[in-house]
Amino acid sequence: MLEFNLQHSYPGFDFQTGDVQLPGDGITAVFGPSGCGKTTLIKTLSGLEKAQGWVKLNNQAWQSDKLFLPVHQRRIGMVFQDAALLPHLSVQGNLDYALKRSGFERAQHRAQQDRWIELLNLGNLLNQSVLTLSGGQKQRVGIARALLSNPQILMLDEPMSALDWRTKNELIPLIKDVSKASKLPILLITHSPEEVERLADQVLLLNQGRVEQLESLQQTLSRPDSPLFDEQGAVSVLIGQPGKVSDGLQQIQLGDNTLWVKPLKRANQEPVRIRVLARDVSLALSDPKDLSIVNHMPVKIDELIEQPDHRLLVRLRLDNQQHLFAEITQQSAQRLNLQPGLVIYALIKSVALAE
């Protein structure tokens, strides 16, 4: 568990976290607008900048009134936006550099290297100069190097902000794999709502130098005024069980209901996250038969929430108690006579779904 209370100030900016306790595993995303204090948080937690207050990890003090451990003594695996690899070394050289400072017994070096080289798919890159790597390859090497330093926590500072969407889609599942395989707590600094929705277990919301909220991802997504909704509107993240592939679509089981999505890139039977934009959900009073949209699910209306521009956000509940948002016009709601407690059908385009 990472615990802290930090205060820091610059001209025109005051940073105060209050008492914060982050879980000892899983991915905690630190999210907020530009200038909210995300970079200040990671710099002061890591010891790159000295702030007032205290920090401890797993009950080991990093900082107190009488103690300030320098960054190299805090056993943090750091990954930056630009990966910060040593340019004069090959990929293998960067990994060896981390191992020499890891504290692992020499007999463990090969097993540790092989573990992360395989998971992060680095085997064919080991002899390359890091100067020849793509952005996504550099970040994979950066993550492997951080893991080989034998850390107690990983801190990822905007690791995907400079990547194109295709490379980001390749890296996100790998970060999930790293979290599961390492069992380390991961602190992910990001300004991307999609990264939060696809990766986070917990969300720490920062605004104007203050911690506004620390809560689960589902709690953050359940609020109609969630800051994650500022860019693309309301979003739901549904957890489902992958099933068979038929006619180019894959089955995702949500309780007694089935969603059909484009086939997932990786074949496994672990639960997956399905991200659905509220604007891509339509509503019907009965189950339509002659329609190109293949995903029809019975849902119960929990709440109608007024939005600007004569629109409504409709909070819907699935039979397995997960929630789904739909965004419609007030005119549509009046025409359908929508009311809390009414059972209706949610229609979701398969192309609107992304794991």
Protein backbone atom coordinates (compact mmCIF):
# COMPACT_ATOMS: atom_id res chain seq x y z
CA MET A 1 0.00 0.00 0.00
CA LEU A 2 1.29 3.46 -0.97
CA GLU A 3 0.36 6.13 1.58
CA PHE A 4 1.20 9.82 1.48
CA ASN A 5 0.34 13.37 2.35
CA LEU A 6 2.34 15.90 0.33
CA GLN A 7 2.41 19.67 0.01
CA HIS A 8 4.38 21.60 -2.57
CA SER A 9 4.17 25.01 -4.20
CA TYR A 10 5.39 26.91 -7.21
CA PRO A 11 4.66 30.52 -8.14
CA GLY A 12 0.95 30.53 -8.88
CA PHE A 13 0.38 26.86 -8.00
CA ASP A 14 -0.35 25.22 -4.65
CA PHE A 15 -0.26 21.42 -4.38
CA GLN A 16 -1.80 19.59 -1.40
CA THR A 17 -2.91 15.95 -1.55
CA GLY A 18 -4.32 15.40 1.93
CA ASP A 19 -4.05 11.87 3.34
CA VAL A 20 -4.13 9.30 0.52
CA GLN A 21 -3.96 5.49 0.63
CA LEU A 22 -3.49 3.62 -2.65
CA PRO A 23 -4.09 -0.16 -2.87
CA GLY A 24 -1.15 -2.56 -2.79
CA ASP A 25 -1.97 -4.05 -6.19
CA GLY A 26 -3.80 -3.28 -9.42
CA ILE A 27 -3.60 -0.17 -11.59
CA THR A 28 -4.40 3.24 -10.13
CA ALA A 29 -4.85 5.87 -12.82
CA VAL A 30 -4.06 9.47 -11.90
CA PHE A 31 -6.32 11.62 -14.06
CA GLY A 32 -7.04 15.29 -14.38
CA PRO A 33 -6.83 18.30 -16.71
CA SER A 34 -3.55 19.82 -17.85
CA GLY A 35 -1.89 21.69 -15.00
CA CYS A 36 -3.79 19.85 -12.25
CA GLY A 37 -0.65 18.46 -10.59
CA LYS A 38 -0.14 15.01 -12.15
CA THR A 39 3.54 15.61 -12.88
CA THR A 40 4.07 17.21 -9.47
CA LEU A 41 2.54 14.14 -7.83
CA ILE A 42 4.83 11.64 -9.52
CA LYS A 43 7.93 13.81 -9.02
CA THR A 44 7.29 14.28 -5.31
CA LEU A 45 6.29 10.65 -4.71
CA SER A 46 9.40 9.38 -6.45
CA GLY A 47 11.76 11.81 -4.76
CA LEU A 48 12.68 13.63 -7.96
CA GLU A 49 11.47 16.77 -6.19
CA LYS A 50 11.36 17.35 -2.45
CA ALA A 51 8.02 18.35 -1.00
CA GLN A 52 6.71 18.79 2.52
CA GLY A 53 4.89 15.88 4.11
CA TRP A 54 5.35 12.11 4.30
CA VAL A 55 5.36 9.04 2.03
CA LYS A 56 5.51 5.35 2.85
CA LEU A 57 5.16 2.14 0.86
CA ASN A 58 4.18 -1.10 2.60
CA ASN A 59 4.84 0.64 5.93
CA GLN A 60 8.40 1.55 4.92
CA ALA A 61 8.97 5.29 5.25
CA TRP A 62 10.33 7.05 2.16
CA GLN A 63 9.85 10.53 3.56
CA SER A 64 9.00 12.02 6.93
CA ASP A 65 9.97 15.03 9.02
CA LYS A 66 13.38 13.43 9.67
CA LEU A 67 13.88 11.26 6.56
CA PHE A 68 14.13 11.74 2.82
CA LEU A 69 15.17 8.73 0.74
CA PRO A 70 16.66 9.69 -2.65
CA VAL A 71 14.94 8.29 -5.71
CA HIS A 72 17.48 5.47 -6.24
CA GLN A 73 16.68 4.07 -2.79
CA ARG A 74 12.90 3.97 -3.25
CA ARG A 75 12.72 0.84 -5.45
CA ILE A 76 10.46 2.43 -8.05
CA GLY A 77 10.25 1.18 -11.61
CA MET A 78 9.87 4.38 -13.64
CA VAL A 79 8.66 4.59 -17.25
CA PHE A 80 8.49 8.01 -18.87
CA GLN A 81 6.74 9.38 -21.94
CA ASP A 82 9.93 9.11 -23.98
CA ALA A 83 11.08 5.83 -22.32
CA ALA A 84 14.41 7.51 -21.37
CA LEU A 85 16.50 4.56 -22.57
CA LEU A 86 20.30 4.75 -22.53
CA PRO A 87 21.04 5.67 -26.16
CA HIS A 88 24.59 4.27 -26.28
CA LEU A 89 23.40 0.77 -25.33
CA SER A 90 21.49 -1.93 -27.18
CA VAL A 91 18.17 -3.25 -25.93
CA GLN A 92 20.05 -6.04 -24.15
CA GLY A 93 22.44 -3.50 -22.68
CA ASN A 94 19.57 -1.49 -21.22
CA LEU A 95 18.10 -4.62 -19.63
CA ASP A 96 21.51 -5.65 -18.25
CA TYR A 97 21.98 -2.18 -16.77
CA ALA A 98 18.77 -2.60 -14.74
CA LEU A 99 19.66 -6.11 -13.61
CA LYS A 100 23.07 -5.04 -12.27
CA ARG A 101 21.30 -2.63 -9.93
CA SER A 102 18.38 -4.90 -9.07
CA GLY A 103 19.65 -6.81 -6.08
CA PHE A 104 18.71 -10.10 -7.73
CA GLU A 105 21.16 -12.96 -7.22
CA ARG A 106 23.19 -13.50 -10.37
CA ALA A 107 21.66 -16.96 -10.75
CA GLN A 108 18.25 -15.30 -11.07
CA HIS A 109 19.20 -12.93 -13.88
CA ARG A 110 18.43 -15.24 -16.81
CA ALA A 111 15.05 -16.32 -15.43
CA GLN A 112 14.03 -12.72 -14.72
CA GLN A 113 15.12 -11.55 -18.16
CA ASP A 114 13.42 -14.41 -19.97
CA ARG A 115 10.17 -13.79 -18.11
CA TRP A 116 9.75 -10.18 -19.19
CA ILE A 117 11.36 -10.55 -22.61
CA GLU A 118 8.73 -13.16 -23.46
CA LEU A 119 5.76 -11.29 -22.02
CA LEU A 120 6.73 -8.01 -23.70
CA ASN A 121 7.77 -9.70 -26.97
CA LEU A 122 11.30 -8.34 -27.05
CA GLY A 123 13.19 -11.45 -28.19
CA ASN A 124 13.88 -10.20 -31.72
CA LEU A 125 14.99 -6.74 -30.53
CA LEU A 126 17.72 -7.59 -28.04
CA ASN A 127 20.70 -6.83 -30.29
CA GLN A 128 19.25 -3.65 -31.78
CA SER A 129 20.35 -0.16 -30.88
CA VAL A 130 17.57 1.61 -29.01
CA LEU A 131 17.97 4.47 -31.50
CA THR A 132 16.42 2.26 -34.20
CA LEU A 133 13.28 1.37 -32.21
CA SER A 134 9.77 2.63 -32.81
CA GLY A 135 7.91 4.48 -30.06
CA GLY A 136 5.97 1.41 -29.00
CA GLN A 137 9.10 -0.76 -28.97
CA LYS A 138 10.92 1.78 -26.80
CA GLN A 139 8.09 1.75 -24.28
CA ARG A 140 8.09 -2.06 -24.13
CA VAL A 141 11.85 -1.99 -23.45
CA GLY A 142 11.31 0.76 -20.87
CA ILE A 143 8.71 -1.34 -19.05
CA ALA A 144 10.97 -4.42 -19.12
CA ARG A 145 13.90 -2.39 -17.80
CA ALA A 146 11.73 -1.00 -14.99
CA LEU A 147 10.61 -4.51 -14.01
CA LEU A 148 14.16 -5.86 -14.05
CA SER A 149 15.22 -3.23 -11.53
CA ASN A 150 13.30 -5.29 -8.93
CA PRO A 151 10.85 -2.53 -7.94
CA GLN A 152 8.15 -2.51 -5.29
CA ILE A 153 5.94 -0.25 -7.40
CA LEU A 154 5.73 0.82 -11.06
CA MET A 155 5.13 4.46 -11.97
CA LEU A 156 4.17 5.07 -15.60
CA ASP A 157 4.23 8.76 -16.53
CA GLU A 158 2.12 9.29 -19.69
CA PRO A 159 3.69 6.20 -21.34
CA MET A 160 1.31 6.25 -24.32
CA SER A 161 0.80 9.96 -24.95
CA ALA A 162 3.20 10.04 -27.91
CA LEU A 163 1.96 6.80 -29.53
CA ASP A 164 -0.46 6.42 -32.42
CA TRP A 165 -3.77 4.65 -31.78
CA ARG A 166 -2.64 1.35 -33.29
CA THR A 167 0.50 1.16 -31.14
CA LYS A 168 -1.47 2.23 -28.08
CA ASN A 169 -3.95 -0.60 -28.70
CA GLU A 170 -1.03 -3.04 -28.75
CA LEU A 171 0.51 -1.68 -25.54
CA ILE A 172 -2.63 -1.51 -23.39
CA PRO A 173 -3.10 -5.33 -23.19
CA LEU A 174 0.60 -5.72 -22.34
CA ILE A 175 0.27 -3.32 -19.42
CA LYS A 176 -2.67 -5.41 -18.20
CA ASP A 177 -0.48 -8.52 -18.49
CA VAL A 178 2.35 -6.84 -16.58
CA SER A 179 -0.03 -5.90 -13.77
CA LYS A 180 -1.31 -9.44 -13.48
CA ALA A 181 2.08 -11.16 -13.78
CA SER A 182 4.08 -8.84 -11.53
CA LYS A 183 1.38 -8.31 -8.87
CA LEU A 184 2.94 -4.89 -8.32
CA PRO A 185 0.92 -1.76 -7.67
CA ILE A 186 1.02 0.42 -10.78
CA LEU A 187 0.54 4.19 -10.77
CA LEU A 188 -0.48 5.34 -14.26
CA ILE A 189 -0.35 9.07 -14.99
CA THR A 190 -2.57 9.89 -17.96
CA HIS A 191 -4.73 12.58 -19.53
CA SER A 192 -6.59 10.04 -21.69
CA PRO A 193 -10.07 8.94 -20.51
CA GLU A 194 -9.85 5.89 -22.79
CA GLU A 195 -6.64 4.70 -21.10
CA VAL A 196 -8.31 5.06 -17.70
CA GLU A 197 -11.41 3.18 -18.84
CA ARG A 198 -9.44 0.33 -20.38
CA LEU A 199 -6.75 -0.08 -17.72
CA ALA A 200 -7.64 1.35 -14.32
CA ASP A 201 -8.87 -0.55 -11.31
CA GLN A 202 -8.88 2.63 -9.21
CA VAL A 203 -8.94 6.29 -10.23
CA LEU A 204 -7.31 9.19 -8.40
CA LEU A 205 -8.85 12.43 -9.65
CA LEU A 206 -6.71 15.56 -9.43
CA ASN A 207 -7.89 19.11 -9.97
CA GLN A 208 -6.08 22.40 -9.31
CA GLY A 209 -3.48 20.74 -7.11
CA ARG A 210 -5.97 18.83 -4.95
CA VAL A 211 -7.00 15.17 -4.78
CA GLU A 212 -10.72 15.36 -5.43
CA GLN A 213 -11.51 11.65 -5.31
CA LEU A 214 -10.00 8.19 -4.98
CA GLU A 215 -12.47 5.53 -6.04
CA SER A 216 -12.97 2.44 -8.17
CA LEU A 217 -13.29 2.81 -11.92
CA GLN A 218 -16.95 1.77 -11.78
CA GLN A 219 -17.66 4.44 -9.16
CA THR A 220 -16.05 7.07 -11.39
CA LEU A 221 -18.08 5.91 -14.38
CA SER A 222 -21.34 5.80 -12.42
CA ARG A 223 -21.38 9.56 -11.90
CA PRO A 224 -22.99 11.56 -14.73
CA ASP A 225 -20.62 14.45 -14.05
CA SER A 226 -17.49 12.27 -14.18
CA PRO A 227 -14.47 14.16 -15.55
CA LEU A 228 -13.83 11.12 -17.76
CA PHE A 229 -16.87 12.18 -19.80
CA ASP A 230 -15.58 15.65 -20.73
CA GLU A 231 -14.23 14.65 -24.17
CA GLN A 232 -16.57 12.01 -25.64
CA GLY A 233 -19.56 12.19 -23.34
CA ALA A 234 -20.71 9.46 -20.97
CA VAL A 235 -19.09 6.04 -21.28
CA SER A 236 -19.90 2.64 -19.80
CA VAL A 237 -17.37 -0.14 -19.23
CA LEU A 238 -19.01 -3.57 -19.12
CA ILE A 239 -17.22 -6.69 -17.91
CA GLY A 240 -18.01 -9.80 -19.96
CA GLN A 241 -16.86 -13.34 -20.61
CA PRO A 242 -15.51 -14.06 -24.13
CA GLY A 243 -17.17 -16.87 -26.07
CA LYS A 244 -17.28 -18.32 -29.56
CA VAL A 245 -16.63 -16.53 -32.85
CA SER A 246 -19.30 -16.82 -35.51
CA ASP A 247 -19.71 -15.04 -38.86
CA GLY A 248 -16.95 -12.56 -38.03
CA LEU A 249 -18.27 -11.57 -34.59
CA GLN A 250 -17.32 -12.77 -31.12
CA GLN A 251 -19.72 -13.55 -28.34
CA ILE A 252 -19.36 -11.70 -25.03
CA GLN A 253 -21.56 -13.01 -22.24
CA LEU A 254 -23.04 -10.48 -19.79
CA GLY A 255 -25.09 -12.55 -17.37
CA ASP A 256 -28.01 -13.92 -19.39
CA ASN A 257 -27.39 -11.44 -22.21
CA THR A 258 -25.01 -11.71 -25.14
CA LEU A 259 -23.12 -8.98 -26.96
CA TRP A 260 -21.53 -9.57 -30.35
CA VAL A 261 -18.33 -7.66 -31.04
CA LYS A 262 -15.51 -7.80 -33.55
CA PRO A 263 -13.19 -10.70 -32.65
CA LEU A 264 -10.79 -9.93 -29.82
CA LYS A 265 -7.13 -9.89 -30.82
CA ARG A 266 -6.05 -12.32 -28.13
CA ALA A 267 -7.63 -15.70 -27.59
CA ASN A 268 -8.20 -16.24 -23.88
CA GLN A 269 -11.11 -16.93 -21.59
CA GLU A 270 -10.44 -14.18 -19.07
CA PRO A 271 -13.12 -11.51 -18.56
CA VAL A 272 -12.75 -8.50 -20.84
CA ARG A 273 -13.79 -4.86 -20.67
CA ILE A 274 -16.21 -3.58 -23.27
CA ARG A 275 -16.24 0.21 -23.65
CA VAL A 276 -19.55 1.66 -24.89
CA LEU A 277 -20.19 5.34 -25.64
CA ALA A 278 -23.61 6.51 -24.41
CA ARG A 279 -24.27 8.17 -27.74
CA ASP A 280 -23.94 4.78 -29.46
CA VAL A 281 -26.81 3.28 -27.46
CA SER A 282 -30.37 3.57 -28.78
CA LEU A 283 -33.53 2.64 -26.88
CA ALA A 284 -36.72 0.81 -27.89
CA LEU A 285 -39.88 -0.15 -25.99
CA SER A 286 -39.92 -3.62 -27.57
CA ASP A 287 -37.34 -5.94 -29.09
CA PRO A 288 -37.03 -4.90 -32.76
CA LYS A 289 -36.72 -7.83 -35.17
CA ASP A 290 -36.03 -6.26 -38.56
CA LEU A 291 -32.92 -4.23 -37.78
CA SER A 292 -29.26 -4.36 -38.78
CA ILE A 293 -28.11 -3.76 -35.19
CA VAL A 294 -27.44 -7.22 -33.73
CA ASN A 295 -27.10 -6.30 -30.05
CA HIS A 296 -30.47 -5.99 -28.30
CA MET A 297 -30.57 -6.30 -24.49
CA PRO A 298 -33.46 -5.97 -22.04
CA VAL A 299 -32.58 -3.31 -19.44
CA LYS A 300 -34.33 -1.48 -16.63
CA ILE A 301 -34.31 2.31 -16.41
CA ASP A 302 -32.75 3.42 -13.12
CA GLU A 303 -32.58 7.16 -13.68
CA LEU A 304 -33.18 9.96 -16.19
CA ILE A 305 -30.58 12.71 -15.86
CA GLU A 306 -31.05 16.08 -17.57
CA GLN A 307 -28.17 17.29 -19.75
CA PRO A 308 -27.54 20.53 -21.67
CA ASP A 309 -29.05 21.12 -25.12
CA HIS A 310 -32.34 19.30 -24.40
CA ARG A 311 -30.69 15.93 -23.96
CA LEU A 312 -31.05 13.20 -21.33
CA LEU A 313 -28.62 10.68 -19.93
CA VAL A 314 -30.46 7.44 -19.17
CA ARG A 315 -28.90 5.15 -16.57
CA LEU A 316 -29.84 1.55 -17.39
CA ARG A 317 -29.34 -1.63 -15.39
CA LEU A 318 -28.55 -5.03 -16.93
CA ASP A 319 -29.78 -8.29 -15.45
CA ASN A 320 -26.33 -8.89 -13.89
CA GLN A 321 -26.52 -5.46 -12.17
CA GLN A 322 -23.99 -3.73 -14.40
CA HIS A 323 -24.90 -0.24 -15.53
CA LEU A 324 -25.12 1.16 -19.04
CA PHE A 325 -25.61 4.79 -20.08
CA ALA A 326 -27.62 5.90 -23.11
CA GLU A 327 -27.82 9.50 -24.34
CA ILE A 328 -31.05 10.56 -26.05
CA THR A 329 -33.06 13.73 -26.67
CA GLN A 330 -35.73 14.89 -24.24
CA GLN A 331 -38.20 14.68 -27.11
CA SER A 332 -37.42 10.97 -27.56
CA ALA A 333 -37.87 10.33 -23.86
CA GLN A 334 -41.24 12.05 -23.87
CA ARG A 335 -42.38 10.24 -27.01
CA LEU A 336 -41.48 6.86 -25.50
CA ASN A 337 -42.81 7.91 -22.07
CA LEU A 338 -39.64 6.69 -20.40
CA GLN A 339 -39.79 6.39 -16.62
CA PRO A 340 -37.57 4.89 -13.89
CA GLY A 341 -38.42 1.22 -13.39
CA LEU A 342 -39.53 0.66 -16.99
CA VAL A 343 -38.04 -2.37 -18.77
CA ILE A 344 -36.99 -1.51 -22.32
CA TYR A 345 -34.37 -2.62 -24.86
CA ALA A 346 -30.91 -1.15 -25.38
CA LEU A 347 -29.58 -1.36 -28.94
CA ILE A 348 -25.79 -1.22 -29.32
CA LYS A 349 -23.88 -1.27 -32.58
CA SER A 350 -21.14 -3.90 -32.54
CA VAL A 351 -18.77 -1.45 -34.26
CA ALA A 352 -19.16 0.87 -31.26
CA LEU A 353 -17.59 -1.67 -28.91
CA ALA A 354 -13.90 -1.91 -28.10
CA GLU A 355 -12.08 -4.17 -25.65
